[in-house]
mmCIF file of all heavy atoms, coordinates in Angstrom:
data_MODEL
# 
_entry.id   MODEL 
# 
loop_
_atom_site.group_PDB 
_atom_site.id 
_atom_site.type_symbol 
_atom_site.label_atom_id 
_atom_site.label_alt_id 
_atom_site.label_comp_id 
_atom_site.label_asym_id 
_atom_site.label_entity_id 
_atom_site.label_seq_id 
_atom_site.pdbx_PDB_ins_code 
_atom_site.Cartn_x 
_atom_site.Cartn_y 
_atom_site.Cartn_z 
_atom_site.occupancy 
_atom_site.B_iso_or_equiv 
_atom_site.pdbx_formal_charge 
_atom_site.auth_seq_id 
_atom_site.auth_comp_id 
_atom_site.auth_asym_id 
_atom_site.auth_atom_id 
_atom_site.pdbx_PDB_model_num 
ATOM 1   N N   . LEU A 1 1  ? 57.442 -20.911 -27.583 1.00 0.00 ? 1  LEU A N   1 
ATOM 2   C CA  . LEU A 1 1  ? 58.842 -20.911 -28.136 1.00 0.00 ? 1  LEU A CA  1 
ATOM 3   C C   . LEU A 1 1  ? 59.743 -21.620 -27.145 1.00 0.00 ? 1  LEU A C   1 
ATOM 4   O O   . LEU A 1 1  ? 59.797 -21.216 -25.985 1.00 0.00 ? 1  LEU A O   1 
ATOM 5   C CB  . LEU A 1 1  ? 59.312 -19.440 -28.350 1.00 0.00 ? 1  LEU A CB  1 
ATOM 6   C CG  . LEU A 1 1  ? 60.770 -19.312 -28.803 1.00 0.00 ? 1  LEU A CG  1 
ATOM 7   C CD1 . LEU A 1 1  ? 60.997 -19.896 -30.184 1.00 0.00 ? 1  LEU A CD1 1 
ATOM 8   C CD2 . LEU A 1 1  ? 61.206 -17.825 -28.768 1.00 0.00 ? 1  LEU A CD2 1 
ATOM 9   N N   . GLU A 1 2  ? 60.368 -22.691 -27.635 1.00 0.00 ? 2  GLU A N   1 
ATOM 10  C CA  . GLU A 1 2  ? 61.321 -23.476 -26.772 1.00 0.00 ? 2  GLU A CA  1 
ATOM 11  C C   . GLU A 1 2  ? 62.725 -23.249 -27.349 1.00 0.00 ? 2  GLU A C   1 
ATOM 12  O O   . GLU A 1 2  ? 62.983 -23.503 -28.519 1.00 0.00 ? 2  GLU A O   1 
ATOM 13  C CB  . GLU A 1 2  ? 60.928 -24.934 -26.817 1.00 0.00 ? 2  GLU A CB  1 
ATOM 14  C CG  . GLU A 1 2  ? 61.879 -25.819 -26.053 1.00 0.00 ? 2  GLU A CG  1 
ATOM 15  C CD  . GLU A 1 2  ? 61.639 -27.313 -26.247 1.00 0.00 ? 2  GLU A CD  1 
ATOM 16  O OE1 . GLU A 1 2  ? 61.302 -27.701 -27.406 1.00 0.00 ? 2  GLU A OE1 1 
ATOM 17  O OE2 . GLU A 1 2  ? 61.801 -28.081 -25.277 1.00 0.00 ? 2  GLU A OE2 1 
ATOM 18  N N   . ILE A 1 3  ? 63.595 -22.850 -26.481 1.00 0.00 ? 3  ILE A N   1 
ATOM 19  C CA  . ILE A 1 3  ? 65.011 -22.676 -26.834 1.00 0.00 ? 3  ILE A CA  1 
ATOM 20  C C   . ILE A 1 3  ? 65.791 -23.875 -26.257 1.00 0.00 ? 3  ILE A C   1 
ATOM 21  O O   . ILE A 1 3  ? 66.031 -23.986 -25.088 1.00 0.00 ? 3  ILE A O   1 
ATOM 22  C CB  . ILE A 1 3  ? 65.584 -21.349 -26.318 1.00 0.00 ? 3  ILE A CB  1 
ATOM 23  C CG1 . ILE A 1 3  ? 64.757 -20.172 -26.800 1.00 0.00 ? 3  ILE A CG1 1 
ATOM 24  C CG2 . ILE A 1 3  ? 67.060 -21.198 -26.730 1.00 0.00 ? 3  ILE A CG2 1 
ATOM 25  C CD1 . ILE A 1 3  ? 64.693 -20.010 -28.310 1.00 0.00 ? 3  ILE A CD1 1 
ATOM 26  N N   . GLY A 1 4  ? 66.186 -24.780 -27.170 1.00 0.00 ? 4  GLY A N   1 
ATOM 27  C CA  . GLY A 1 4  ? 66.855 -25.984 -26.756 1.00 0.00 ? 4  GLY A CA  1 
ATOM 28  C C   . GLY A 1 4  ? 65.997 -27.165 -26.923 1.00 0.00 ? 4  GLY A C   1 
ATOM 29  O O   . GLY A 1 4  ? 65.369 -27.671 -25.955 1.00 0.00 ? 4  GLY A O   1 
ATOM 30  N N   . THR A 1 5  ? 65.935 -27.770 -28.121 1.00 0.00 ? 5  THR A N   1 
ATOM 31  C CA  . THR A 1 5  ? 65.050 -28.908 -28.350 1.00 0.00 ? 5  THR A CA  1 
ATOM 32  C C   . THR A 1 5  ? 65.597 -30.158 -27.630 1.00 0.00 ? 5  THR A C   1 
ATOM 33  O O   . THR A 1 5  ? 64.809 -30.915 -27.073 1.00 0.00 ? 5  THR A O   1 
ATOM 34  C CB  . THR A 1 5  ? 65.012 -29.189 -29.893 1.00 0.00 ? 5  THR A CB  1 
ATOM 35  O OG1 . THR A 1 5  ? 64.655 -28.037 -30.616 1.00 0.00 ? 5  THR A OG1 1 
ATOM 36  C CG2 . THR A 1 5  ? 64.071 -30.356 -30.232 1.00 0.00 ? 5  THR A CG2 1 
ATOM 37  N N   . GLY A 1 6  ? 66.944 -30.350 -27.656 1.00 0.00 ? 6  GLY A N   1 
ATOM 38  C CA  . GLY A 1 6  ? 67.512 -31.506 -27.036 1.00 0.00 ? 6  GLY A CA  1 
ATOM 39  C C   . GLY A 1 6  ? 66.875 -32.777 -27.545 1.00 0.00 ? 6  GLY A C   1 
ATOM 40  O O   . GLY A 1 6  ? 66.841 -33.050 -28.733 1.00 0.00 ? 6  GLY A O   1 
ATOM 41  N N   . SER A 1 7  ? 66.449 -33.619 -26.618 1.00 0.00 ? 7  SER A N   1 
ATOM 42  C CA  . SER A 1 7  ? 65.879 -34.912 -27.006 1.00 0.00 ? 7  SER A CA  1 
ATOM 43  C C   . SER A 1 7  ? 64.528 -34.787 -27.735 1.00 0.00 ? 7  SER A C   1 
ATOM 44  O O   . SER A 1 7  ? 64.112 -35.728 -28.414 1.00 0.00 ? 7  SER A O   1 
ATOM 45  C CB  . SER A 1 7  ? 65.757 -35.801 -25.801 1.00 0.00 ? 7  SER A CB  1 
ATOM 46  O OG  . SER A 1 7  ? 64.714 -35.326 -24.938 1.00 0.00 ? 7  SER A OG  1 
ATOM 47  N N   . GLY A 1 8  ? 63.825 -33.660 -27.499 1.00 0.00 ? 8  GLY A N   1 
ATOM 48  C CA  . GLY A 1 8  ? 62.487 -33.485 -27.979 1.00 0.00 ? 8  GLY A CA  1 
ATOM 49  C C   . GLY A 1 8  ? 61.385 -33.924 -27.008 1.00 0.00 ? 8  GLY A C   1 
ATOM 50  O O   . GLY A 1 8  ? 60.164 -33.725 -27.307 1.00 0.00 ? 8  GLY A O   1 
ATOM 51  N N   . TYR A 1 9  ? 61.742 -34.408 -25.823 1.00 0.00 ? 9  TYR A N   1 
ATOM 52  C CA  . TYR A 1 9  ? 60.739 -34.837 -24.844 1.00 0.00 ? 9  TYR A CA  1 
ATOM 53  C C   . TYR A 1 9  ? 59.941 -33.654 -24.314 1.00 0.00 ? 9  TYR A C   1 
ATOM 54  O O   . TYR A 1 9  ? 58.654 -33.734 -24.325 1.00 0.00 ? 9  TYR A O   1 
ATOM 55  C CB  . TYR A 1 9  ? 61.426 -35.611 -23.743 1.00 0.00 ? 9  TYR A CB  1 
ATOM 56  C CG  . TYR A 1 9  ? 60.504 -36.081 -22.629 1.00 0.00 ? 9  TYR A CG  1 
ATOM 57  C CD1 . TYR A 1 9  ? 59.465 -36.954 -22.941 1.00 0.00 ? 9  TYR A CD1 1 
ATOM 58  C CD2 . TYR A 1 9  ? 60.685 -35.689 -21.295 1.00 0.00 ? 9  TYR A CD2 1 
ATOM 59  C CE1 . TYR A 1 9  ? 58.616 -37.441 -21.978 1.00 0.00 ? 9  TYR A CE1 1 
ATOM 60  C CE2 . TYR A 1 9  ? 59.859 -36.171 -20.321 1.00 0.00 ? 9  TYR A CE2 1 
ATOM 61  C CZ  . TYR A 1 9  ? 58.822 -37.035 -20.631 1.00 0.00 ? 9  TYR A CZ  1 
ATOM 62  O OH  . TYR A 1 9  ? 57.958 -37.522 -19.641 1.00 0.00 ? 9  TYR A OH  1 
ATOM 63  N N   . LEU A 1 10 ? 60.596 -32.587 -23.889 1.00 0.00 ? 10 LEU A N   1 
ATOM 64  C CA  . LEU A 1 10 ? 59.852 -31.435 -23.377 1.00 0.00 ? 10 LEU A CA  1 
ATOM 65  C C   . LEU A 1 10 ? 59.051 -30.802 -24.500 1.00 0.00 ? 10 LEU A C   1 
ATOM 66  O O   . LEU A 1 10 ? 57.927 -30.340 -24.305 1.00 0.00 ? 10 LEU A O   1 
ATOM 67  C CB  . LEU A 1 10 ? 60.773 -30.418 -22.751 1.00 0.00 ? 10 LEU A CB  1 
ATOM 68  C CG  . LEU A 1 10 ? 60.089 -29.177 -22.193 1.00 0.00 ? 10 LEU A CG  1 
ATOM 69  C CD1 . LEU A 1 10 ? 59.015 -29.541 -21.124 1.00 0.00 ? 10 LEU A CD1 1 
ATOM 70  C CD2 . LEU A 1 10 ? 61.135 -28.172 -21.627 1.00 0.00 ? 10 LEU A CD2 1 
ATOM 71  N N   . THR A 1 11 ? 59.547 -30.859 -25.712 1.00 0.00 ? 11 THR A N   1 
ATOM 72  C CA  . THR A 1 11 ? 58.826 -30.362 -26.865 1.00 0.00 ? 11 THR A CA  1 
ATOM 73  C C   . THR A 1 11 ? 57.524 -31.109 -27.002 1.00 0.00 ? 11 THR A C   1 
ATOM 74  O O   . THR A 1 11 ? 56.481 -30.477 -27.252 1.00 0.00 ? 11 THR A O   1 
ATOM 75  C CB  . THR A 1 11 ? 59.694 -30.611 -28.150 1.00 0.00 ? 11 THR A CB  1 
ATOM 76  O OG1 . THR A 1 11 ? 61.033 -30.177 -27.974 1.00 0.00 ? 11 THR A OG1 1 
ATOM 77  C CG2 . THR A 1 11 ? 59.090 -29.826 -29.325 1.00 0.00 ? 11 THR A CG2 1 
ATOM 78  N N   . ALA A 1 12 ? 57.566 -32.426 -26.835 1.00 0.00 ? 12 ALA A N   1 
ATOM 79  C CA  . ALA A 1 12 ? 56.379 -33.245 -26.949 1.00 0.00 ? 12 ALA A CA  1 
ATOM 80  C C   . ALA A 1 12 ? 55.363 -32.926 -25.798 1.00 0.00 ? 12 ALA A C   1 
ATOM 81  O O   . ALA A 1 12 ? 54.173 -32.836 -26.036 1.00 0.00 ? 12 ALA A O   1 
ATOM 82  C CB  . ALA A 1 12 ? 56.712 -34.712 -26.913 1.00 0.00 ? 12 ALA A CB  1 
ATOM 83  N N   . LEU A 1 13 ? 55.913 -32.709 -24.610 1.00 0.00 ? 13 LEU A N   1 
ATOM 84  C CA  . LEU A 1 13 ? 55.048 -32.393 -23.498 1.00 0.00 ? 13 LEU A CA  1 
ATOM 85  C C   . LEU A 1 13 ? 54.308 -31.034 -23.715 1.00 0.00 ? 13 LEU A C   1 
ATOM 86  O O   . LEU A 1 13 ? 53.137 -30.912 -23.490 1.00 0.00 ? 13 LEU A O   1 
ATOM 87  C CB  . LEU A 1 13 ? 55.873 -32.317 -22.168 1.00 0.00 ? 13 LEU A CB  1 
ATOM 88  C CG  . LEU A 1 13 ? 56.512 -33.608 -21.664 1.00 0.00 ? 13 LEU A CG  1 
ATOM 89  C CD1 . LEU A 1 13 ? 57.478 -33.273 -20.527 1.00 0.00 ? 13 LEU A CD1 1 
ATOM 90  C CD2 . LEU A 1 13 ? 55.467 -34.580 -21.238 1.00 0.00 ? 13 LEU A CD2 1 
ATOM 91  N N   . LEU A 1 14 ? 55.048 -30.064 -24.199 1.00 0.00 ? 14 LEU A N   1 
ATOM 92  C CA  . LEU A 1 14 ? 54.501 -28.746 -24.453 1.00 0.00 ? 14 LEU A CA  1 
ATOM 93  C C   . LEU A 1 14 ? 53.468 -28.815 -25.607 1.00 0.00 ? 14 LEU A C   1 
ATOM 94  O O   . LEU A 1 14 ? 52.420 -28.174 -25.526 1.00 0.00 ? 14 LEU A O   1 
ATOM 95  C CB  . LEU A 1 14 ? 55.595 -27.753 -24.809 1.00 0.00 ? 14 LEU A CB  1 
ATOM 96  C CG  . LEU A 1 14 ? 56.589 -27.357 -23.668 1.00 0.00 ? 14 LEU A CG  1 
ATOM 97  C CD1 . LEU A 1 14 ? 57.829 -26.693 -24.285 1.00 0.00 ? 14 LEU A CD1 1 
ATOM 98  C CD2 . LEU A 1 14 ? 55.886 -26.469 -22.663 1.00 0.00 ? 14 LEU A CD2 1 
ATOM 99  N N   . ALA A 1 15 ? 53.798 -29.601 -26.602 1.00 0.00 ? 15 ALA A N   1 
ATOM 100 C CA  . ALA A 1 15 ? 52.860 -29.707 -27.766 1.00 0.00 ? 15 ALA A CA  1 
ATOM 101 C C   . ALA A 1 15 ? 51.549 -30.347 -27.364 1.00 0.00 ? 15 ALA A C   1 
ATOM 102 O O   . ALA A 1 15 ? 50.479 -30.139 -27.950 1.00 0.00 ? 15 ALA A O   1 
ATOM 103 C CB  . ALA A 1 15 ? 53.501 -30.532 -28.917 1.00 0.00 ? 15 ALA A CB  1 
ATOM 104 N N   . SER A 1 16 ? 51.619 -31.178 -26.284 1.00 0.00 ? 16 SER A N   1 
ATOM 105 C CA  . SER A 1 16 ? 50.413 -31.910 -25.864 1.00 0.00 ? 16 SER A CA  1 
ATOM 106 C C   . SER A 1 16 ? 49.380 -31.032 -25.231 1.00 0.00 ? 16 SER A C   1 
ATOM 107 O O   . SER A 1 16 ? 48.209 -31.416 -25.047 1.00 0.00 ? 16 SER A O   1 
ATOM 108 C CB  . SER A 1 16 ? 50.818 -33.028 -24.887 1.00 0.00 ? 16 SER A CB  1 
ATOM 109 O OG  . SER A 1 16 ? 51.654 -33.964 -25.477 1.00 0.00 ? 16 SER A OG  1 
ATOM 110 N N   . CYS A 1 17 ? 49.805 -29.819 -24.815 1.00 0.00 ? 17 CYS A N   1 
ATOM 111 C CA  . CYS A 1 17 ? 48.853 -28.937 -24.109 1.00 0.00 ? 17 CYS A CA  1 
ATOM 112 C C   . CYS A 1 17 ? 48.802 -27.549 -24.640 1.00 0.00 ? 17 CYS A C   1 
ATOM 113 O O   . CYS A 1 17 ? 48.304 -26.581 -23.978 1.00 0.00 ? 17 CYS A O   1 
ATOM 114 C CB  . CYS A 1 17 ? 49.171 -28.920 -22.619 1.00 0.00 ? 17 CYS A CB  1 
ATOM 115 S SG  . CYS A 1 17 ? 50.919 -28.516 -22.213 1.00 0.00 ? 17 CYS A SG  1 
ATOM 116 N N   . SER A 1 18 ? 49.351 -27.306 -25.828 1.00 0.00 ? 18 SER A N   1 
ATOM 117 C CA  . SER A 1 18 ? 49.345 -25.945 -26.454 1.00 0.00 ? 18 SER A CA  1 
ATOM 118 C C   . SER A 1 18 ? 48.943 -26.077 -27.890 1.00 0.00 ? 18 SER A C   1 
ATOM 119 O O   . SER A 1 18 ? 48.796 -27.157 -28.438 1.00 0.00 ? 18 SER A O   1 
ATOM 120 C CB  . SER A 1 18 ? 50.751 -25.337 -26.358 1.00 0.00 ? 18 SER A CB  1 
ATOM 121 O OG  . SER A 1 18 ? 51.672 -26.074 -27.113 1.00 0.00 ? 18 SER A OG  1 
ATOM 122 N N   . GLU A 1 19 ? 48.732 -24.931 -28.533 1.00 0.00 ? 19 GLU A N   1 
ATOM 123 C CA  . GLU A 1 19 ? 48.291 -24.893 -29.911 1.00 0.00 ? 19 GLU A CA  1 
ATOM 124 C C   . GLU A 1 19 ? 49.484 -25.235 -30.847 1.00 0.00 ? 19 GLU A C   1 
ATOM 125 O O   . GLU A 1 19 ? 49.340 -26.048 -31.766 1.00 0.00 ? 19 GLU A O   1 
ATOM 126 C CB  . GLU A 1 19 ? 47.765 -23.532 -30.341 1.00 0.00 ? 19 GLU A CB  1 
ATOM 127 C CG  . GLU A 1 19 ? 47.307 -23.447 -31.781 1.00 0.00 ? 19 GLU A CG  1 
ATOM 128 C CD  . GLU A 1 19 ? 46.754 -22.103 -32.189 1.00 0.00 ? 19 GLU A CD  1 
ATOM 129 O OE1 . GLU A 1 19 ? 46.400 -21.321 -31.284 1.00 0.00 ? 19 GLU A OE1 1 
ATOM 130 O OE2 . GLU A 1 19 ? 46.742 -21.822 -33.395 1.00 0.00 ? 19 GLU A OE2 1 
ATOM 131 N N   . HIS A 1 20 ? 50.627 -24.681 -30.575 1.00 0.00 ? 20 HIS A N   1 
ATOM 132 C CA  . HIS A 1 20 ? 51.776 -24.932 -31.438 1.00 0.00 ? 20 HIS A CA  1 
ATOM 133 C C   . HIS A 1 20 ? 53.080 -24.613 -30.707 1.00 0.00 ? 20 HIS A C   1 
ATOM 134 O O   . HIS A 1 20 ? 53.094 -23.749 -29.847 1.00 0.00 ? 20 HIS A O   1 
ATOM 135 C CB  . HIS A 1 20 ? 51.711 -24.032 -32.670 1.00 0.00 ? 20 HIS A CB  1 
ATOM 136 C CG  . HIS A 1 20 ? 52.719 -24.362 -33.714 1.00 0.00 ? 20 HIS A CG  1 
ATOM 137 N ND1 . HIS A 1 20 ? 53.966 -23.819 -33.801 1.00 0.00 ? 20 HIS A ND1 1 
ATOM 138 C CD2 . HIS A 1 20 ? 52.629 -25.238 -34.810 1.00 0.00 ? 20 HIS A CD2 1 
ATOM 139 C CE1 . HIS A 1 20 ? 54.643 -24.321 -34.802 1.00 0.00 ? 20 HIS A CE1 1 
ATOM 140 N NE2 . HIS A 1 20 ? 53.841 -25.180 -35.403 1.00 0.00 ? 20 HIS A NE2 1 
ATOM 141 N N   . VAL A 1 21 ? 54.118 -25.398 -30.965 1.00 0.00 ? 21 VAL A N   1 
ATOM 142 C CA  . VAL A 1 21 ? 55.469 -25.186 -30.420 1.00 0.00 ? 21 VAL A CA  1 
ATOM 143 C C   . VAL A 1 21 ? 56.460 -24.978 -31.510 1.00 0.00 ? 21 VAL A C   1 
ATOM 144 O O   . VAL A 1 21 ? 56.521 -25.733 -32.455 1.00 0.00 ? 21 VAL A O   1 
ATOM 145 C CB  . VAL A 1 21 ? 55.887 -26.367 -29.577 1.00 0.00 ? 21 VAL A CB  1 
ATOM 146 C CG1 . VAL A 1 21 ? 57.289 -26.203 -29.014 1.00 0.00 ? 21 VAL A CG1 1 
ATOM 147 C CG2 . VAL A 1 21 ? 54.874 -26.664 -28.454 1.00 0.00 ? 21 VAL A CG2 1 
ATOM 148 N N   . THR A 1 22 ? 57.225 -23.906 -31.394 1.00 0.00 ? 22 THR A N   1 
ATOM 149 C CA  . THR A 1 22 ? 58.430 -23.728 -32.224 1.00 0.00 ? 22 THR A CA  1 
ATOM 150 C C   . THR A 1 22 ? 59.632 -23.958 -31.328 1.00 0.00 ? 22 THR A C   1 
ATOM 151 O O   . THR A 1 22 ? 59.793 -23.344 -30.307 1.00 0.00 ? 22 THR A O   1 
ATOM 152 C CB  . THR A 1 22 ? 58.488 -22.308 -32.828 1.00 0.00 ? 22 THR A CB  1 
ATOM 153 O OG1 . THR A 1 22 ? 57.393 -22.105 -33.695 1.00 0.00 ? 22 THR A OG1 1 
ATOM 154 C CG2 . THR A 1 22 ? 59.750 -22.062 -33.616 1.00 0.00 ? 22 THR A CG2 1 
ATOM 155 N N   . SER A 1 23 ? 60.469 -24.898 -31.771 1.00 0.00 ? 23 SER A N   1 
ATOM 156 C CA  . SER A 1 23 ? 61.610 -25.293 -30.904 1.00 0.00 ? 23 SER A CA  1 
ATOM 157 C C   . SER A 1 23 ? 62.897 -25.108 -31.674 1.00 0.00 ? 23 SER A C   1 
ATOM 158 O O   . SER A 1 23 ? 63.010 -25.499 -32.840 1.00 0.00 ? 23 SER A O   1 
ATOM 159 C CB  . SER A 1 23 ? 61.443 -26.765 -30.530 1.00 0.00 ? 23 SER A CB  1 
ATOM 160 O OG  . SER A 1 23 ? 62.486 -27.134 -29.610 1.00 0.00 ? 23 SER A OG  1 
ATOM 161 N N   . ILE A 1 24 ? 63.880 -24.468 -31.049 1.00 0.00 ? 24 ILE A N   1 
ATOM 162 C CA  . ILE A 1 24 ? 65.172 -24.096 -31.640 1.00 0.00 ? 24 ILE A CA  1 
ATOM 163 C C   . ILE A 1 24 ? 66.289 -24.909 -31.027 1.00 0.00 ? 24 ILE A C   1 
ATOM 164 O O   . ILE A 1 24 ? 66.325 -25.048 -29.799 1.00 0.00 ? 24 ILE A O   1 
ATOM 165 C CB  . ILE A 1 24 ? 65.446 -22.590 -31.462 1.00 0.00 ? 24 ILE A CB  1 
ATOM 166 C CG1 . ILE A 1 24 ? 64.247 -21.744 -31.676 1.00 0.00 ? 24 ILE A CG1 1 
ATOM 167 C CG2 . ILE A 1 24 ? 66.647 -22.173 -32.258 1.00 0.00 ? 24 ILE A CG2 1 
ATOM 168 C CD1 . ILE A 1 24 ? 63.701 -21.742 -33.028 1.00 0.00 ? 24 ILE A CD1 1 
ATOM 169 N N   . ASP A 1 25 ? 67.205 -25.418 -31.867 1.00 0.00 ? 25 ASP A N   1 
ATOM 170 C CA  . ASP A 1 25 ? 68.424 -26.057 -31.292 1.00 0.00 ? 25 ASP A CA  1 
ATOM 171 C C   . ASP A 1 25 ? 69.567 -25.820 -32.241 1.00 0.00 ? 25 ASP A C   1 
ATOM 172 O O   . ASP A 1 25 ? 69.410 -25.820 -33.446 1.00 0.00 ? 25 ASP A O   1 
ATOM 173 C CB  . ASP A 1 25 ? 68.217 -27.522 -31.101 1.00 0.00 ? 25 ASP A CB  1 
ATOM 174 C CG  . ASP A 1 25 ? 69.150 -28.107 -30.083 1.00 0.00 ? 25 ASP A CG  1 
ATOM 175 O OD1 . ASP A 1 25 ? 70.394 -28.251 -30.365 1.00 0.00 ? 25 ASP A OD1 1 
ATOM 176 O OD2 . ASP A 1 25 ? 68.695 -28.388 -28.930 1.00 0.00 ? 25 ASP A OD2 1 
ATOM 177 N N   . ILE A 1 26 ? 70.752 -25.650 -31.627 1.00 0.00 ? 26 ILE A N   1 
ATOM 178 C CA  . ILE A 1 26 ? 71.910 -25.367 -32.449 1.00 0.00 ? 26 ILE A CA  1 
ATOM 179 C C   . ILE A 1 26 ? 72.498 -26.579 -33.118 1.00 0.00 ? 26 ILE A C   1 
ATOM 180 O O   . ILE A 1 26 ? 73.267 -26.544 -34.066 1.00 0.00 ? 26 ILE A O   1 
ATOM 181 C CB  . ILE A 1 26 ? 73.040 -24.708 -31.562 1.00 0.00 ? 26 ILE A CB  1 
ATOM 182 C CG1 . ILE A 1 26 ? 74.091 -24.043 -32.383 1.00 0.00 ? 26 ILE A CG1 1 
ATOM 183 C CG2 . ILE A 1 26 ? 73.600 -25.715 -30.555 1.00 0.00 ? 26 ILE A CG2 1 
ATOM 184 C CD1 . ILE A 1 26 ? 75.052 -23.179 -31.583 1.00 0.00 ? 26 ILE A CD1 1 
ATOM 185 N N   . HIS A 1 27 ? 72.103 -27.804 -32.598 1.00 0.00 ? 27 HIS A N   1 
ATOM 186 C CA  . HIS A 1 27 ? 72.654 -29.052 -33.132 1.00 0.00 ? 27 HIS A CA  1 
ATOM 187 C C   . HIS A 1 27 ? 71.684 -29.692 -34.143 1.00 0.00 ? 27 HIS A C   1 
ATOM 188 O O   . HIS A 1 27 ? 70.587 -30.033 -33.790 1.00 0.00 ? 27 HIS A O   1 
ATOM 189 C CB  . HIS A 1 27 ? 72.902 -30.018 -32.013 1.00 0.00 ? 27 HIS A CB  1 
ATOM 190 C CG  . HIS A 1 27 ? 73.917 -29.543 -31.002 1.00 0.00 ? 27 HIS A CG  1 
ATOM 191 N ND1 . HIS A 1 27 ? 75.243 -29.379 -31.356 1.00 0.00 ? 27 HIS A ND1 1 
ATOM 192 C CD2 . HIS A 1 27 ? 73.761 -29.236 -29.683 1.00 0.00 ? 27 HIS A CD2 1 
ATOM 193 C CE1 . HIS A 1 27 ? 75.896 -28.966 -30.225 1.00 0.00 ? 27 HIS A CE1 1 
ATOM 194 N NE2 . HIS A 1 27 ? 75.030 -28.851 -29.238 1.00 0.00 ? 27 HIS A NE2 1 
ATOM 195 N N   . SER A 1 28 ? 72.113 -29.825 -35.392 1.00 0.00 ? 28 SER A N   1 
ATOM 196 C CA  . SER A 1 28 ? 71.262 -30.364 -36.402 1.00 0.00 ? 28 SER A CA  1 
ATOM 197 C C   . SER A 1 28 ? 70.900 -31.829 -36.148 1.00 0.00 ? 28 SER A C   1 
ATOM 198 O O   . SER A 1 28 ? 69.780 -32.316 -36.485 1.00 0.00 ? 28 SER A O   1 
ATOM 199 C CB  . SER A 1 28 ? 71.949 -30.313 -37.786 1.00 0.00 ? 28 SER A CB  1 
ATOM 200 O OG  . SER A 1 28 ? 73.199 -31.006 -37.799 1.00 0.00 ? 28 SER A OG  1 
# 
């Protein structure tokens, strides 16, 4: 669970080494 998607870069890093990432961001 990632709180703060932002650019999506850390999301991609986490997804590269885990089964699944759910990422939340307040900005559409």
